[in-house]
C-alpha atoms as a PDB file:
ATOM      1  CA  MET A   1     101.460  77.444  65.747  1.00  0.00           C
ATOM      2  CA  LYS A   2     102.772  76.474  62.312  1.00  0.00           C
ATOM      3  CA  ARG A   3     104.032  79.995  61.710  1.00  0.00           C
ATOM      4  CA  ALA A   4     105.795  80.017  65.085  1.00  0.00           C
ATOM      5  CA  VAL A   5     107.515  76.733  64.277  1.00  0.00           C
ATOM      6  CA  LEU A   6     108.639  78.009  60.880  1.00  0.00           C
ATOM      7  CA  HIS A   7     109.890  81.207  62.500  1.00  0.00           C
ATOM      8  CA  HIS A   8     111.881  79.152  65.020  1.00  0.00           C
ATOM      9  CA  LEU A   9     113.315  76.936  62.299  1.00  0.00           C
ATOM     10  CA  SER A  10     114.350  79.900  60.149  1.00  0.00           C
ATOM     11  CA  ARG A  11     116.181  81.481  63.075  1.00  0.00           C
ATOM     12  CA  ALA A  12     117.745  78.139  64.003  1.00  0.00           C
ATOM     13  CA  GLY A  13     119.010  77.732  60.439  1.00  0.00           C
ATOM     14  CA  LEU A  14     120.458  81.214  60.488  1.00  0.00           C
ATOM     15  CA  THR A  15     122.186  80.498  63.796  1.00  0.00           C
ATOM     16  CA  LEU A  16     123.762  77.350  62.354  1.00  0.00           C
ATOM     17  CA  ALA A  17     124.920  79.308  59.329  1.00  0.00           C
ATOM     18  CA  LEU A  18     126.492  81.927  61.568  1.00  0.00           C
ATOM     19  CA  LEU A  19     128.297  79.272  63.570  1.00  0.00           C
ATOM     20  CA  ALA A  20     129.525  77.654  60.372  1.00  0.00           C
ATOM     21  CA  GLY A  21     130.846  80.958  59.075  1.00  0.00           C
ATOM     22  CA  ALA A  22     128.423  80.935  56.142  1.00  0.00           C
ATOM     23  CA  VAL A  23     127.181  84.479  56.756  1.00  0.00           C
ATOM     24  CA  LEU A  24     129.674  86.449  54.720  1.00  0.00           C
ATOM     25  CA  PRO A  25     129.927  90.200  54.222  1.00  0.00           C
ATOM     26  CA  ALA A  26     128.673  91.716  50.988  1.00  0.00           C
ATOM     27  CA  HIS A  27     129.933  94.864  49.362  1.00  0.00           C
ATOM     28  CA  ALA A  28     126.593  96.133  48.117  1.00  0.00           C
ATOM     29  CA  GLY A  29     125.042  99.515  48.773  1.00  0.00           C
ATOM     30  CA  ALA A  30     121.770 100.046  50.573  1.00  0.00           C
ATOM     31  CA  GLN A  31     118.275 100.893  49.455  1.00  0.00           C
ATOM     32  CA  ARG A  32     117.076 104.065  51.133  1.00  0.00           C
ATOM     33  CA  GLU A  33     113.851 104.032  53.085  1.00  0.00           C
ATOM     34  CA  GLU A  34     111.458 106.406  51.358  1.00  0.00           C
ATOM     35  CA  PRO A  35     107.852 107.342  52.135  1.00  0.00           C
ATOM     36  CA  LEU A  36     105.331 105.139  50.327  1.00  0.00           C
ATOM     37  CA  ALA A  37     101.882 106.264  49.269  1.00  0.00           C
ATOM     38  CA  ASN A  38      99.179 104.089  50.813  1.00  0.00           C
ATOM     39  CA  SER A  39      98.168 102.731  47.413  1.00  0.00           C
ATOM     40  CA  VAL A  40     101.772 101.804  46.591  1.00  0.00           C
ATOM     41  CA  ARG A  41     102.310 100.218  50.001  1.00  0.00           C
ATOM     42  CA  THR A  42      99.143  98.153  49.550  1.00  0.00           C
ATOM     43  CA  ALA A  43     100.180  97.021  46.059  1.00  0.00           C
ATOM     44  CA  LEU A  44     103.688  96.082  47.189  1.00  0.00           C
ATOM     45  CA  SER A  45     102.388  94.247  50.254  1.00  0.00           C
ATOM     46  CA  ALA A  46      99.973  92.272  48.093  1.00  0.00           C
ATOM     47  CA  ALA A  47     102.777  91.398  45.658  1.00  0.00           C
ATOM     48  CA  ILE A  48     104.928  90.119  48.507  1.00  0.00           C
ATOM     49  CA  ALA A  49     102.138  88.221  50.250  1.00  0.00           C
ATOM     50  CA  LYS A  50     101.049  86.048  47.323  1.00  0.00           C
ATOM     51  CA  SER A  51     102.872  82.882  48.287  1.00  0.00           C
ATOM     52  CA  VAL A  52     102.759  80.094  45.709  1.00  0.00           C
ATOM     53  CA  PRO A  53     105.339  77.452  44.775  1.00  0.00           C
ATOM     54  CA  PRO A  54     107.873  78.851  42.259  1.00  0.00           C
ATOM     55  CA  VAL A  55     106.817  76.560  39.422  1.00  0.00           C
ATOM     56  CA  PRO A  56     106.805  78.241  35.999  1.00  0.00           C
ATOM     57  CA  VAL A  57     103.684  77.711  33.898  1.00  0.00           C
ATOM     58  CA  PHE A  58     104.058  78.195  30.155  1.00  0.00           C
ATOM     59  CA  VAL A  59     101.473  79.216  27.601  1.00  0.00           C
ATOM     60  CA  ASP A  60     103.072  77.129  24.833  1.00  0.00           C
ATOM     61  CA  ASP A  61     105.897  74.695  24.091  1.00  0.00           C
ATOM     62  CA  ARG A  62     108.083  77.383  22.492  1.00  0.00           C
ATOM     63  CA  ARG A  63     108.268  79.350  25.718  1.00  0.00           C
ATOM     64  CA  LYS A  64     108.871  76.222  27.733  1.00  0.00           C
ATOM     65  CA  GLN A  65     111.794  75.397  25.437  1.00  0.00           C
ATOM     66  CA  SER A  66     113.128  78.941  25.899  1.00  0.00           C
ATOM     67  CA  TYR A  67     113.063  78.432  29.651  1.00  0.00           C
ATOM     68  CA  GLU A  68     114.894  75.115  29.340  1.00  0.00           C
ATOM     69  CA  ARG A  69     117.595  76.741  27.191  1.00  0.00           C
ATOM     70  CA  TRP A  70     117.911  79.601  29.672  1.00  0.00           C
ATOM     71  CA  LYS A  71     118.199  77.163  32.569  1.00  0.00           C
ATOM     72  CA  GLN A  72     120.791  75.085  30.742  1.00  0.00           C
ATOM     73  CA  GLY A  73     122.973  78.043  29.757  1.00  0.00           C
ATOM     74  CA  ALA A  74     122.726  79.809  33.110  1.00  0.00           C
ATOM     75  CA  GLY A  75     123.164  76.522  34.939  1.00  0.00           C
ATOM     76  CA  GLU A  76     126.486  75.801  33.259  1.00  0.00           C
ATOM     77  CA  ARG A  77     127.847  79.185  34.299  1.00  0.00           C
ATOM     78  CA  LEU A  78     126.468  78.853  37.827  1.00  0.00           C
ATOM     79  CA  LYS A  79     128.047  75.442  38.526  1.00  0.00           C
ATOM     80  CA  LYS A  80     131.125  76.888  40.222  1.00  0.00           C
ATOM     81  CA  ARG A  81     128.944  78.926  42.594  1.00  0.00           C
ATOM     82  CA  LYS A  82     126.348  76.215  43.191  1.00  0.00           C
ATOM     83  CA  PRO A  83     127.797  72.778  42.397  1.00  0.00           C
ATOM     84  CA  ASP A  84     124.839  70.768  43.741  1.00  0.00           C
ATOM     85  CA  ASP A  85     122.526  70.020  40.811  1.00  0.00           C
ATOM     86  CA  LEU A  86     119.270  70.085  42.798  1.00  0.00           C
ATOM     87  CA  VAL A  87     120.154  73.288  44.663  1.00  0.00           C
ATOM     88  CA  ARG A  88     121.196  74.999  41.434  1.00  0.00           C
ATOM     89  CA  GLU A  89     118.061  73.944  39.567  1.00  0.00           C
ATOM     90  CA  GLU A  90     115.770  75.081  42.389  1.00  0.00           C
ATOM     91  CA  PHE A  91     117.573  78.420  42.565  1.00  0.00           C
ATOM     92  CA  LEU A  92     117.326  79.061  38.822  1.00  0.00           C
ATOM     93  CA  ARG A  93     113.690  77.991  38.702  1.00  0.00           C
ATOM     94  CA  THR A  94     112.899  80.434  41.509  1.00  0.00           C
ATOM     95  CA  VAL A  95     114.870  83.263  39.897  1.00  0.00           C
ATOM     96  CA  TRP A  96     113.004  82.744  36.628  1.00  0.00           C
ATOM     97  CA  TYR A  97     109.640  82.570  38.355  1.00  0.00           C
ATOM     98  CA  GLU A  98     110.088  85.643  40.554  1.00  0.00           C
ATOM     99  CA  ALA A  99     111.727  87.721  37.815  1.00  0.00           C
ATOM    100  CA  THR A 100     109.063  87.036  35.196  1.00  0.00           C
ATOM    101  CA  ARG A 101     106.321  87.444  37.792  1.00  0.00           C
ATOM    102  CA  ALA A 102     107.623  90.970  38.404  1.00  0.00           C
ATOM    103  CA  GLY A 103     108.038  91.679  34.693  1.00  0.00           C
ATOM    104  CA  LEU A 104     111.842  91.526  34.820  1.00  0.00           C
ATOM    105  CA  ASP A 105     114.419  89.806  32.634  1.00  0.00           C
ATOM    106  CA  PRO A 106     115.777  86.781  34.550  1.00  0.00           C
ATOM    107  CA  THR A 107     119.296  87.439  33.225  1.00  0.00           C
ATOM    108  CA  LEU A 108     119.110  90.962  34.664  1.00  0.00           C
ATOM    109  CA  VAL A 109     118.226  89.485  38.049  1.00  0.00           C
ATOM    110  CA  LEU A 110     121.148  87.049  37.818  1.00  0.00           C
ATOM    111  CA  GLY A 111     123.454  89.972  37.031  1.00  0.00           C
ATOM    112  CA  LEU A 112     122.135  91.922  39.995  1.00  0.00           C
ATOM    113  CA  ILE A 113     122.581  88.951  42.344  1.00  0.00           C
ATOM    114  CA  GLU A 114     126.134  88.435  41.100  1.00  0.00           C
ATOM    115  CA  VAL A 115     127.034  92.046  41.898  1.00  0.00           C
ATOM    116  CA  GLU A 116     125.042  92.318  45.129  1.00  0.00           C
ATOM    117  CA  SER A 117     125.945  89.099  46.933  1.00  0.00           C
ATOM    118  CA  GLY A 118     128.038  86.867  44.685  1.00  0.00           C
ATOM    119  CA  PHE A 119     125.230  84.281  44.972  1.00  0.00           C
ATOM    120  CA  ARG A 120     125.703  83.938  48.734  1.00  0.00           C
ATOM    121  CA  LYS A 121     122.435  83.156  50.481  1.00  0.00           C
ATOM    122  CA  TYR A 122     123.515  84.536  53.864  1.00  0.00           C
ATOM    123  CA  ALA A 123     125.481  87.569  52.653  1.00  0.00           C
ATOM    124  CA  ILE A 124     125.152  90.685  54.813  1.00  0.00           C
ATOM    125  CA  SER A 125     126.388  94.112  53.744  1.00  0.00           C
ATOM    126  CA  VAL A 126     127.923  96.681  56.083  1.00  0.00           C
ATOM    127  CA  ALA A 127     124.612  98.546  55.814  1.00  0.00           C
ATOM    128  CA  GLY A 128     122.692  95.429  56.937  1.00  0.00           C
ATOM    129  CA  ALA A 129     121.239  94.377  53.576  1.00  0.00           C
ATOM    130  CA  ARG A 130     120.530  90.656  53.488  1.00  0.00           C
ATOM    131  CA  GLY A 131     120.593  87.645  51.232  1.00  0.00           C
ATOM    132  CA  TYR A 132     120.952  87.060  47.512  1.00  0.00           C
ATOM    133  CA  MET A 133     119.437  90.376  46.420  1.00  0.00           C
ATOM    134  CA  GLN A 134     120.661  92.344  49.445  1.00  0.00           C
ATOM    135  CA  VAL A 135     117.283  93.505  50.708  1.00  0.00           C
ATOM    136  CA  MET A 136     117.307  96.020  53.537  1.00  0.00           C
ATOM    137  CA  PRO A 137     115.427  94.875  56.680  1.00  0.00           C
ATOM    138  CA  PHE A 138     113.161  97.950  56.674  1.00  0.00           C
ATOM    139  CA  TRP A 139     111.325  96.451  53.695  1.00  0.00           C
ATOM    140  CA  SER A 140     110.105  93.536  55.818  1.00  0.00           C
ATOM    141  CA  ARG A 141     108.532  96.089  58.134  1.00  0.00           C
ATOM    142  CA  ALA A 142     107.210  98.362  55.379  1.00  0.00           C
ATOM    143  CA  ILE A 143     105.546  95.768  53.135  1.00  0.00           C
ATOM    144  CA  GLY A 144     106.063  92.397  54.827  1.00  0.00           C
ATOM    145  CA  ASP A 145     105.234  90.817  58.163  1.00  0.00           C
ATOM    146  CA  GLY A 146     108.103  92.459  60.037  1.00  0.00           C
ATOM    147  CA  ASP A 147     110.215  89.285  60.243  1.00  0.00           C
ATOM    148  CA  ALA A 148     113.575  90.304  58.755  1.00  0.00           C
ATOM    149  CA  ALA A 149     114.886  86.746  59.215  1.00  0.00           C
ATOM    150  CA  ARG A 150     112.733  85.733  56.250  1.00  0.00           C
ATOM    151  CA  LEU A 151     115.090  87.686  54.014  1.00  0.00           C
ATOM    152  CA  PHE A 152     117.513  84.759  54.293  1.00  0.00           C
ATOM    153  CA  HIS A 153     114.888  82.410  52.819  1.00  0.00           C
ATOM    154  CA  MET A 154     115.611  81.973  49.113  1.00  0.00           C
ATOM    155  CA  GLN A 155     112.181  82.569  47.604  1.00  0.00           C
ATOM    156  CA  SER A 156     111.297  85.316  50.083  1.00  0.00           C
ATOM    157  CA  ASN A 157     114.514  87.180  49.323  1.00  0.00           C
ATOM    158  CA  LEU A 158     114.059  86.858  45.566  1.00  0.00           C
ATOM    159  CA  ARG A 159     110.401  87.857  45.886  1.00  0.00           C
ATOM    160  CA  PHE A 160     111.270  91.010  47.851  1.00  0.00           C
ATOM    161  CA  GLY A 161     114.192  91.907  45.590  1.00  0.00           C
ATOM    162  CA  CYS A 162     112.251  91.525  42.345  1.00  0.00           C
ATOM    163  CA  VAL A 163     109.204  93.397  43.633  1.00  0.00           C
ATOM    164  CA  ILE A 164     111.416  96.231  44.913  1.00  0.00           C
ATOM    165  CA  LEU A 165     113.309  96.537  41.618  1.00  0.00           C
ATOM    166  CA  ARG A 166     109.985  96.556  39.731  1.00  0.00           C
ATOM    167  CA  HIS A 167     108.797  99.314  42.071  1.00  0.00           C
ATOM    168  CA  TYR A 168     111.915 101.375  41.356  1.00  0.00           C
ATOM    169  CA  LEU A 169     111.472 100.847  37.605  1.00  0.00           C
ATOM    170  CA  ASP A 170     107.926 102.146  37.907  1.00  0.00           C
ATOM    171  CA  ILE A 171     109.115 105.189  39.871  1.00  0.00           C
ATOM    172  CA  GLU A 172     111.801 105.887  37.249  1.00  0.00           C
ATOM    173  CA  LYS A 173     109.326 105.384  34.386  1.00  0.00           C
ATOM    174  CA  GLY A 174     111.202 102.418  32.972  1.00  0.00           C
ATOM    175  CA  ASP A 175     114.692 103.932  33.159  1.00  0.00           C
ATOM    176  CA  LEU A 176     116.757 100.889  34.126  1.00  0.00           C
ATOM    177  CA  PHE A 177     119.936 102.885  34.780  1.00  0.00           C
ATOM    178  CA  LEU A 178     118.215 105.094  37.376  1.00  0.00           C
ATOM    179  CA  ALA A 179     116.212 102.190  38.841  1.00  0.00           C
ATOM    180  CA  LEU A 180     119.383 100.172  39.433  1.00  0.00           C
ATOM    181  CA  GLY A 181     121.039 103.161  41.061  1.00  0.00           C
ATOM    182  CA  ARG A 182     118.049 103.607  43.339  1.00  0.00           C
ATOM    183  CA  TYR A 183     118.127  99.910  44.220  1.00  0.00           C
ATOM    184  CA  ASN A 184     121.739 100.291  45.322  1.00  0.00           C
ATOM    185  CA  GLY A 185     121.254 103.651  47.047  1.00  0.00           C
ATOM    186  CA  SER A 186     123.545 105.326  44.522  1.00  0.00           C
ATOM    187  CA  ARG A 187     121.049 106.898  42.103  1.00  0.00           C
ATOM    188  CA  GLY A 188     122.725 108.987  39.422  1.00  0.00           C
ATOM    189  CA  ARG A 189     126.113 107.300  39.708  1.00  0.00           C
ATOM    190  CA  ALA A 190     127.307 104.985  36.973  1.00  0.00           C
ATOM    191  CA  GLU A 191     129.411 102.403  38.813  1.00  0.00           C
ATOM    192  CA  TYR A 192     126.641 100.145  40.102  1.00  0.00           C
ATOM    193  CA  PRO A 193     124.326 100.144  37.043  1.00  0.00           C
ATOM    194  CA  ASN A 194     127.314  99.522  34.783  1.00  0.00           C
ATOM    195  CA  ALA A 195     128.436  96.604  36.960  1.00  0.00           C
ATOM    196  CA  VAL A 196     124.979  94.986  36.901  1.00  0.00           C
ATOM    197  CA  LEU A 197     124.492  95.552  33.173  1.00  0.00           C
ATOM    198  CA  GLY A 198     127.952  94.134  32.502  1.00  0.00           C
ATOM    199  CA  ALA A 199     127.132  91.047  34.556  1.00  0.00           C
ATOM    200  CA  ARG A 200     123.834  90.745  32.712  1.00  0.00           C
ATOM    201  CA  LYS A 201     125.674  90.629  29.365  1.00  0.00           C
ATOM    202  CA  ARG A 202     127.842  87.793  30.608  1.00  0.00           C
ATOM    203  CA  TRP A 203     124.781  85.798  31.650  1.00  0.00           C
ATOM    204  CA  GLU A 204     123.135  86.541  28.293  1.00  0.00           C
ATOM    205  CA  ALA A 205     126.233  85.217  26.541  1.00  0.00           C
ATOM    206  CA  ALA A 206     126.079  82.026  28.606  1.00  0.00           C
ATOM    207  CA  VAL A 207     122.403  81.573  27.745  1.00  0.00           C
ATOM    208  CA  ALA A 208     123.056  82.310  24.061  1.00  0.00           C
ATOM    209  CA  GLU A 209     125.474  79.395  23.937  1.00  0.00           C
ATOM    210  CA  ALA A 210     122.572  77.121  24.823  1.00  0.00           C
ATOM    211  CA  GLY A 211     120.248  78.488  22.128  1.00  0.00           C
ATOM    212  CA  PRO A 212     118.366  81.591  20.943  1.00  0.00           C
ATOM    213  CA  ARG A 213     118.013  84.519  23.350  1.00  0.00           C
ATOM    214  CA  VAL A 214     115.245  83.985  25.890  1.00  0.00           C
ATOM    215  CA  VAL A 215     112.138  86.118  26.041  1.00  0.00           C
ATOM    216  CA  ALA A 216     110.362  85.775  29.389  1.00  0.00           C
ATOM    217  CA  GLY A 217     107.115  83.893  28.878  1.00  0.00           C
ATOM    218  CA  VAL A 218     105.569  82.412  31.999  1.00  0.00           C
ATOM    219  CA  SER A 219     101.919  83.073  32.611  1.00  0.00           C
ATOM    220  CA  ALA A 220     102.511  84.727  35.988  1.00  0.00           C
ATOM    221  CA  GLY A 221     101.185  88.276  36.175  1.00  0.00           C
ATOM    222  CA  SER A 222     103.366  91.257  37.109  1.00  0.00           C
ATOM    223  CA  PRO A 223     102.597  92.581  40.588  1.00  0.00           C
ATOM    224  CA  GLY A 224     102.925  96.131  39.199  1.00  0.00           C
ATOM    225  CA  THR A 225     102.612  99.222  41.376  1.00  0.00           C
ATOM    226  CA  GLN A 226     101.383 101.764  38.878  1.00  0.00           C
END
């Protein structure tokens, strides 16, 4: 019953966003649906299914301070995109949590979101990719519960996007250039990886203004697919 109510509410929210003109087109590419080995599918599904509040937990004060500096620096740069303080803080906290959980650099994820959707929650590409990280609906069927509407939910979208990018990094044996190309459906071409890496540098510069460069340090384990 609870799940049905949540499903109804998510679709109602999407309908309101459509009526308000908040669902804007994105100019991202599209991940290609590829066969998944059963073991990989199981690992990815488990990584997606673990639903816990996106609250970073730190092993020491130094790493907590690094997170606060990252949040401050990124937050200043994000103000124009997300002027509401509470919305911006929740978004950055979730980005940090989901990125570090997947073993990714949070500034890389911010760069990818900037290129993919321009930080628009309800962005839809011409290929049908959805949300902040422009996740293709087939992923909700392949490793989720089949409800593509969930891809417009902030944490769900960031969870899918980070897990998928981690999966592509594993496939490409850590080659970020190729993994980014695969994420965008343009593997081997330079335009998309260069755009994301360029955006990442700008976010790193913003964070650097707030203090030393951040090293991810939450005690959330990587979902890993190897």
